[in-house]
Amino acid sequence: MIDAGQATAQQPVERPEIEVLIPADRIAARIRELGVQISQDYQNRSLRLVGVLKGAFVFLSDLLRAMDHPDITLDFLGVATYGNASQTSGEVRVTKDLDQSIEGLDVLVVEDILDSGVTFQYLLTALRNRKPASLRTATLLDKPSRRIRPVHADYVGFSIPDAFVVGYGLDFAQKYRELPYIGVLKT
């Protein structure tokens, strides 16, 4: 059995098909900043974090640990738009619904990437219909050059160029989620 106090992170294996865009240390520092900001913004208020599966699970986990807030609950929502392709299909499919009602709650949706805005807009519309007290959004990555819907996130980790990225929870055909950095998948 591994003692968690003695466990050490291994250096990531080099992947020739991936060019590092945002290294792990920059991601960690930015998430700490976001955690402080969100904790201050929701001071003295209960907060429900809604993680969008599957891509946001790593970001959500680290963001949660970066927050100094005594009253946070979690839920998850699963959506799919990419399948095994590098281009969105434009069709949003719910793969997992929330387990609990968000009516009357302050809700922060935690997403991995804001790209075209199709999924983001769909999620916001669907969640607003459930009557939360407030609804805000956090995304690790924002790709504004690809936006086709007029949406924005309230909290943004990084703005990135128009490239297909993987790592830190983001995938291509369910691969590369384990990488500790954000990288551009070379084609």
C-alpha atoms as a PDB file:
ATOM      1  CA  MET A   1       0.000   0.000   0.000  1.00  0.00           C
ATOM      2  CA  ILE A   2       1.259   3.494  -0.829  1.00  0.00           C
ATOM      3  CA  ASP A   3       1.481   6.015   1.985  1.00  0.00           C
ATOM      4  CA  ALA A   4      -0.059   9.243   0.637  1.00  0.00           C
ATOM      5  CA  GLY A   5       2.497  11.268   2.571  1.00  0.00           C
ATOM      6  CA  GLN A   6       5.314   9.490   0.764  1.00  0.00           C
ATOM      7  CA  ALA A   7       3.803   9.414  -2.718  1.00  0.00           C
ATOM      8  CA  THR A   8       5.637  11.511  -5.286  1.00  0.00           C
ATOM      9  CA  ALA A   9       4.449  12.715  -8.643  1.00  0.00           C
ATOM     10  CA  GLN A  10       6.180  11.145 -11.581  1.00  0.00           C
ATOM     11  CA  GLN A  11       7.458  13.260 -14.414  1.00  0.00           C
ATOM     12  CA  PRO A  12       5.012  13.065 -17.319  1.00  0.00           C
ATOM     13  CA  VAL A  13       6.113  10.951 -20.219  1.00  0.00           C
ATOM     14  CA  GLU A  14       7.022  13.038 -23.246  1.00  0.00           C
ATOM     15  CA  ARG A  15       4.428  12.760 -25.972  1.00  0.00           C
ATOM     16  CA  PRO A  16       5.810  13.640 -29.419  1.00  0.00           C
ATOM     17  CA  GLU A  17       2.283  14.207 -30.734  1.00  0.00           C
ATOM     18  CA  ILE A  18       1.618  16.943 -28.148  1.00  0.00           C
ATOM     19  CA  GLU A  19       3.137  20.399 -27.757  1.00  0.00           C
ATOM     20  CA  VAL A  20       2.818  21.829 -24.239  1.00  0.00           C
ATOM     21  CA  LEU A  21       0.731  24.996 -24.257  1.00  0.00           C
ATOM     22  CA  ILE A  22       0.231  25.606 -20.515  1.00  0.00           C
ATOM     23  CA  PRO A  23       2.558  23.822 -18.087  1.00  0.00           C
ATOM     24  CA  ALA A  24       1.290  22.262 -14.858  1.00  0.00           C
ATOM     25  CA  ASP A  25       2.813  24.911 -12.589  1.00  0.00           C
ATOM     26  CA  ARG A  26       1.005  27.745 -14.406  1.00  0.00           C
ATOM     27  CA  ILE A  27      -2.281  25.836 -14.196  1.00  0.00           C
ATOM     28  CA  ALA A  28      -1.847  25.278 -10.444  1.00  0.00           C
ATOM     29  CA  ALA A  29      -1.031  28.936  -9.808  1.00  0.00           C
ATOM     30  CA  ARG A  30      -4.024  30.186 -11.797  1.00  0.00           C
ATOM     31  CA  ILE A  31      -6.409  27.782 -10.087  1.00  0.00           C
ATOM     32  CA  ARG A  32      -5.215  29.010  -6.686  1.00  0.00           C
ATOM     33  CA  GLU A  33      -6.013  32.575  -7.811  1.00  0.00           C
ATOM     34  CA  LEU A  34      -9.472  31.540  -9.014  1.00  0.00           C
ATOM     35  CA  GLY A  35     -10.122  29.685  -5.750  1.00  0.00           C
ATOM     36  CA  VAL A  36      -9.343  32.801  -3.716  1.00  0.00           C
ATOM     37  CA  GLN A  37     -11.489  35.019  -5.952  1.00  0.00           C
ATOM     38  CA  ILE A  38     -14.500  32.667  -5.922  1.00  0.00           C
ATOM     39  CA  SER A  39     -14.232  32.172  -2.146  1.00  0.00           C
ATOM     40  CA  GLN A  40     -14.323  35.950  -1.662  1.00  0.00           C
ATOM     41  CA  ASP A  41     -17.215  36.403  -4.090  1.00  0.00           C
ATOM     42  CA  TYR A  42     -19.327  33.793  -2.290  1.00  0.00           C
ATOM     43  CA  GLN A  43     -18.286  34.695   1.248  1.00  0.00           C
ATOM     44  CA  ASN A  44     -21.093  33.956   3.724  1.00  0.00           C
ATOM     45  CA  ARG A  45     -23.175  32.198   1.030  1.00  0.00           C
ATOM     46  CA  SER A  46     -23.786  28.527   0.352  1.00  0.00           C
ATOM     47  CA  LEU A  47     -22.462  27.411  -3.019  1.00  0.00           C
ATOM     48  CA  ARG A  48     -23.270  24.447  -5.253  1.00  0.00           C
ATOM     49  CA  LEU A  49     -20.526  23.581  -7.722  1.00  0.00           C
ATOM     50  CA  VAL A  50     -21.776  21.750 -10.814  1.00  0.00           C
ATOM     51  CA  GLY A  51     -18.970  20.022 -12.670  1.00  0.00           C
ATOM     52  CA  VAL A  52     -19.498  19.271 -16.335  1.00  0.00           C
ATOM     53  CA  LEU A  53     -18.334  15.747 -17.103  1.00  0.00           C
ATOM     54  CA  LYS A  54     -16.059  14.427 -18.192  1.00  0.00           C
ATOM     55  CA  GLY A  55     -13.533  17.089 -19.068  1.00  0.00           C
ATOM     56  CA  ALA A  56     -13.929  19.370 -16.044  1.00  0.00           C
ATOM     57  CA  PHE A  57     -13.389  16.768 -13.311  1.00  0.00           C
ATOM     58  CA  VAL A  58      -9.674  17.532 -12.826  1.00  0.00           C
ATOM     59  CA  PHE A  59     -10.213  21.307 -12.848  1.00  0.00           C
ATOM     60  CA  LEU A  60     -13.176  20.989 -10.463  1.00  0.00           C
ATOM     61  CA  SER A  61     -11.175  18.865  -8.046  1.00  0.00           C
ATOM     62  CA  ASP A  62      -8.262  21.289  -7.906  1.00  0.00           C
ATOM     63  CA  LEU A  63     -10.530  24.347  -7.796  1.00  0.00           C
ATOM     64  CA  LEU A  64     -12.476  22.890  -4.876  1.00  0.00           C
ATOM     65  CA  ARG A  65      -9.259  22.313  -2.924  1.00  0.00           C
ATOM     66  CA  ALA A  66      -8.099  25.862  -3.724  1.00  0.00           C
ATOM     67  CA  MET A  67     -11.227  27.369  -2.198  1.00  0.00           C
ATOM     68  CA  ASP A  68     -11.471  28.456   1.429  1.00  0.00           C
ATOM     69  CA  HIS A  69     -15.220  28.186   1.813  1.00  0.00           C
ATOM     70  CA  PRO A  70     -17.094  26.302   4.545  1.00  0.00           C
ATOM     71  CA  ASP A  71     -20.357  25.640   2.688  1.00  0.00           C
ATOM     72  CA  ILE A  72     -19.833  24.001  -0.710  1.00  0.00           C
ATOM     73  CA  THR A  73     -21.771  21.108  -2.172  1.00  0.00           C
ATOM     74  CA  LEU A  74     -21.111  19.284  -5.440  1.00  0.00           C
ATOM     75  CA  ASP A  75     -23.097  17.809  -8.260  1.00  0.00           C
ATOM     76  CA  PHE A  76     -22.260  16.719 -11.787  1.00  0.00           C
ATOM     77  CA  LEU A  77     -23.840  17.061 -15.187  1.00  0.00           C
ATOM     78  CA  GLY A  78     -22.663  15.061 -18.165  1.00  0.00           C
ATOM     79  CA  VAL A  79     -22.867  16.318 -21.733  1.00  0.00           C
ATOM     80  CA  ALA A  80     -21.356  15.198 -25.000  1.00  0.00           C
ATOM     81  CA  THR A  81     -20.807  17.100 -28.249  1.00  0.00           C
ATOM     82  CA  TYR A  82     -17.549  15.733 -29.627  1.00  0.00           C
ATOM     83  CA  GLY A  83     -17.713  11.934 -29.456  1.00  0.00           C
ATOM     84  CA  ASN A  84     -14.422  10.708 -30.922  1.00  0.00           C
ATOM     85  CA  ALA A  85     -13.913  13.681 -33.242  1.00  0.00           C
ATOM     86  CA  SER A  86     -11.828  16.827 -32.915  1.00  0.00           C
ATOM     87  CA  GLN A  87     -14.696  19.010 -34.159  1.00  0.00           C
ATOM     88  CA  THR A  88     -17.955  19.439 -32.264  1.00  0.00           C
ATOM     89  CA  SER A  89     -21.029  17.879 -33.818  1.00  0.00           C
ATOM     90  CA  GLY A  90     -23.049  20.937 -32.750  1.00  0.00           C
ATOM     91  CA  GLU A  91     -25.553  18.629 -31.095  1.00  0.00           C
ATOM     92  CA  VAL A  92     -25.582  18.582 -27.284  1.00  0.00           C
ATOM     93  CA  ARG A  93     -26.521  15.310 -25.637  1.00  0.00           C
ATOM     94  CA  VAL A  94     -27.071  15.005 -21.861  1.00  0.00           C
ATOM     95  CA  THR A  95     -25.343  11.873 -20.590  1.00  0.00           C
ATOM     96  CA  LYS A  96     -25.909  12.467 -16.867  1.00  0.00           C
ATOM     97  CA  ASP A  97     -28.385  14.790 -15.174  1.00  0.00           C
ATOM     98  CA  LEU A  98     -28.013  16.488 -11.804  1.00  0.00           C
ATOM     99  CA  ASP A  99     -28.725  14.324  -8.767  1.00  0.00           C
ATOM    100  CA  GLN A 100     -30.291  17.145  -6.721  1.00  0.00           C
ATOM    101  CA  SER A 101     -32.424  20.221  -7.317  1.00  0.00           C
ATOM    102  CA  ILE A 102     -30.652  23.567  -7.685  1.00  0.00           C
ATOM    103  CA  GLU A 103     -33.791  25.646  -7.141  1.00  0.00           C
ATOM    104  CA  GLY A 104     -33.032  28.606  -4.871  1.00  0.00           C
ATOM    105  CA  LEU A 105     -29.279  27.855  -4.703  1.00  0.00           C
ATOM    106  CA  ASP A 106     -26.233  29.852  -5.739  1.00  0.00           C
ATOM    107  CA  VAL A 107     -24.734  27.704  -8.506  1.00  0.00           C
ATOM    108  CA  LEU A 108     -21.326  27.832 -10.148  1.00  0.00           C
ATOM    109  CA  VAL A 109     -21.014  25.698 -13.277  1.00  0.00           C
ATOM    110  CA  VAL A 110     -17.446  24.449 -13.711  1.00  0.00           C
ATOM    111  CA  GLU A 111     -16.498  23.663 -17.310  1.00  0.00           C
ATOM    112  CA  ASP A 112     -13.231  22.597 -18.931  1.00  0.00           C
ATOM    113  CA  ILE A 113     -13.357  24.739 -22.079  1.00  0.00           C
ATOM    114  CA  LEU A 114     -15.556  27.425 -23.574  1.00  0.00           C
ATOM    115  CA  ASP A 115     -15.212  27.005 -27.326  1.00  0.00           C
ATOM    116  CA  SER A 116     -18.040  27.675 -29.806  1.00  0.00           C
ATOM    117  CA  GLY A 117     -20.456  28.405 -26.965  1.00  0.00           C
ATOM    118  CA  VAL A 118     -23.035  25.869 -28.177  1.00  0.00           C
ATOM    119  CA  THR A 119     -22.717  23.571 -25.149  1.00  0.00           C
ATOM    120  CA  PHE A 120     -22.286  26.480 -22.742  1.00  0.00           C
ATOM    121  CA  GLN A 121     -25.443  28.208 -23.964  1.00  0.00           C
ATOM    122  CA  TYR A 122     -27.403  24.959 -23.829  1.00  0.00           C
ATOM    123  CA  LEU A 123     -26.268  24.300 -20.232  1.00  0.00           C
ATOM    124  CA  LEU A 124     -27.021  27.821 -19.032  1.00  0.00           C
ATOM    125  CA  THR A 125     -30.506  27.790 -20.556  1.00  0.00           C
ATOM    126  CA  ALA A 126     -31.300  24.369 -19.098  1.00  0.00           C
ATOM    127  CA  LEU A 127     -29.985  25.302 -15.643  1.00  0.00           C
ATOM    128  CA  ARG A 128     -31.720  28.712 -15.546  1.00  0.00           C
ATOM    129  CA  ASN A 129     -35.005  26.874 -16.124  1.00  0.00           C
ATOM    130  CA  ARG A 130     -34.381  25.082 -12.805  1.00  0.00           C
ATOM    131  CA  LYS A 131     -34.600  28.439 -10.958  1.00  0.00           C
ATOM    132  CA  PRO A 132     -31.311  28.777  -9.064  1.00  0.00           C
ATOM    133  CA  ALA A 133     -30.895  31.908  -6.907  1.00  0.00           C
ATOM    134  CA  SER A 134     -27.843  32.749  -9.020  1.00  0.00           C
ATOM    135  CA  LEU A 135     -25.996  31.056 -11.850  1.00  0.00           C
ATOM    136  CA  ARG A 136     -22.388  31.820 -12.729  1.00  0.00           C
ATOM    137  CA  THR A 137     -19.740  29.967 -14.683  1.00  0.00           C
ATOM    138  CA  ALA A 138     -16.073  29.088 -14.409  1.00  0.00           C
ATOM    139  CA  THR A 139     -14.014  27.642 -17.231  1.00  0.00           C
ATOM    140  CA  LEU A 140     -10.404  26.581 -17.237  1.00  0.00           C
ATOM    141  CA  LEU A 141      -9.945  27.489 -20.901  1.00  0.00           C
ATOM    142  CA  ASP A 142     -11.605  30.083 -23.115  1.00  0.00           C
ATOM    143  CA  LYS A 143     -11.225  29.995 -26.889  1.00  0.00           C
ATOM    144  CA  PRO A 144     -12.962  33.254 -27.942  1.00  0.00           C
ATOM    145  CA  SER A 145     -11.917  33.047 -31.604  1.00  0.00           C
ATOM    146  CA  ARG A 146     -14.262  30.054 -32.071  1.00  0.00           C
ATOM    147  CA  ARG A 147     -17.352  31.619 -30.480  1.00  0.00           C
ATOM    148  CA  ILE A 148     -20.545  31.335 -32.491  1.00  0.00           C
ATOM    149  CA  ARG A 149     -22.915  31.914 -29.556  1.00  0.00           C
ATOM    150  CA  PRO A 150     -22.862  35.111 -27.442  1.00  0.00           C
ATOM    151  CA  VAL A 151     -21.746  33.605 -24.115  1.00  0.00           C
ATOM    152  CA  HIS A 152     -18.921  34.286 -21.686  1.00  0.00           C
ATOM    153  CA  ALA A 153     -17.660  32.800 -18.434  1.00  0.00           C
ATOM    154  CA  ASP A 154     -17.592  34.720 -15.168  1.00  0.00           C
ATOM    155  CA  TYR A 155     -14.264  33.135 -14.164  1.00  0.00           C
ATOM    156  CA  VAL A 156     -11.642  32.196 -16.758  1.00  0.00           C
ATOM    157  CA  GLY A 157      -8.392  30.367 -16.190  1.00  0.00           C
ATOM    158  CA  PHE A 158      -6.711  30.998 -19.545  1.00  0.00           C
ATOM    159  CA  SER A 159      -7.624  32.348 -22.971  1.00  0.00           C
ATOM    160  CA  ILE A 160      -6.100  30.156 -25.643  1.00  0.00           C
ATOM    161  CA  PRO A 161      -5.704  30.253 -29.431  1.00  0.00           C
ATOM    162  CA  ASP A 162      -7.762  28.157 -31.837  1.00  0.00           C
ATOM    163  CA  ALA A 163      -6.077  24.775 -31.411  1.00  0.00           C
ATOM    164  CA  PHE A 164      -7.324  21.353 -30.346  1.00  0.00           C
ATOM    165  CA  VAL A 165      -6.086  20.889 -26.788  1.00  0.00           C
ATOM    166  CA  VAL A 166      -5.804  17.870 -24.513  1.00  0.00           C
ATOM    167  CA  GLY A 167      -4.595  17.113 -21.014  1.00  0.00           C
ATOM    168  CA  TYR A 168      -5.668  18.117 -17.531  1.00  0.00           C
ATOM    169  CA  GLY A 169      -8.986  16.330 -18.031  1.00  0.00           C
ATOM    170  CA  LEU A 170      -9.493  17.220 -21.695  1.00  0.00           C
ATOM    171  CA  ASP A 171      -9.366  14.352 -24.149  1.00  0.00           C
ATOM    172  CA  PHE A 172      -9.262  13.186 -27.713  1.00  0.00           C
ATOM    173  CA  ALA A 173     -11.221   9.933 -28.110  1.00  0.00           C
ATOM    174  CA  GLN A 174     -11.006   9.459 -24.307  1.00  0.00           C
ATOM    175  CA  LYS A 175      -7.181   9.666 -24.306  1.00  0.00           C
ATOM    176  CA  TYR A 176      -4.752  12.195 -22.756  1.00  0.00           C
ATOM    177  CA  ARG A 177      -6.946  13.215 -19.767  1.00  0.00           C
ATOM    178  CA  GLU A 178      -4.168  12.179 -17.359  1.00  0.00           C
ATOM    179  CA  LEU A 179      -1.613  14.701 -18.593  1.00  0.00           C
ATOM    180  CA  PRO A 180      -0.784  17.315 -15.921  1.00  0.00           C
ATOM    181  CA  TYR A 181      -0.545  20.113 -18.509  1.00  0.00           C
ATOM    182  CA  ILE A 182      -2.604  21.492 -21.388  1.00  0.00           C
ATOM    183  CA  GLY A 183      -1.137  20.566 -24.745  1.00  0.00           C
ATOM    184  CA  VAL A 184      -1.918  21.067 -28.402  1.00  0.00           C
ATOM    185  CA  LEU A 185      -2.563  17.818 -30.217  1.00  0.00           C
ATOM    186  CA  LYS A 186      -0.508  17.905 -33.421  1.00  0.00           C
ATOM    187  CA  THR A 187      -2.364  16.663 -36.479  1.00  0.00           C
END
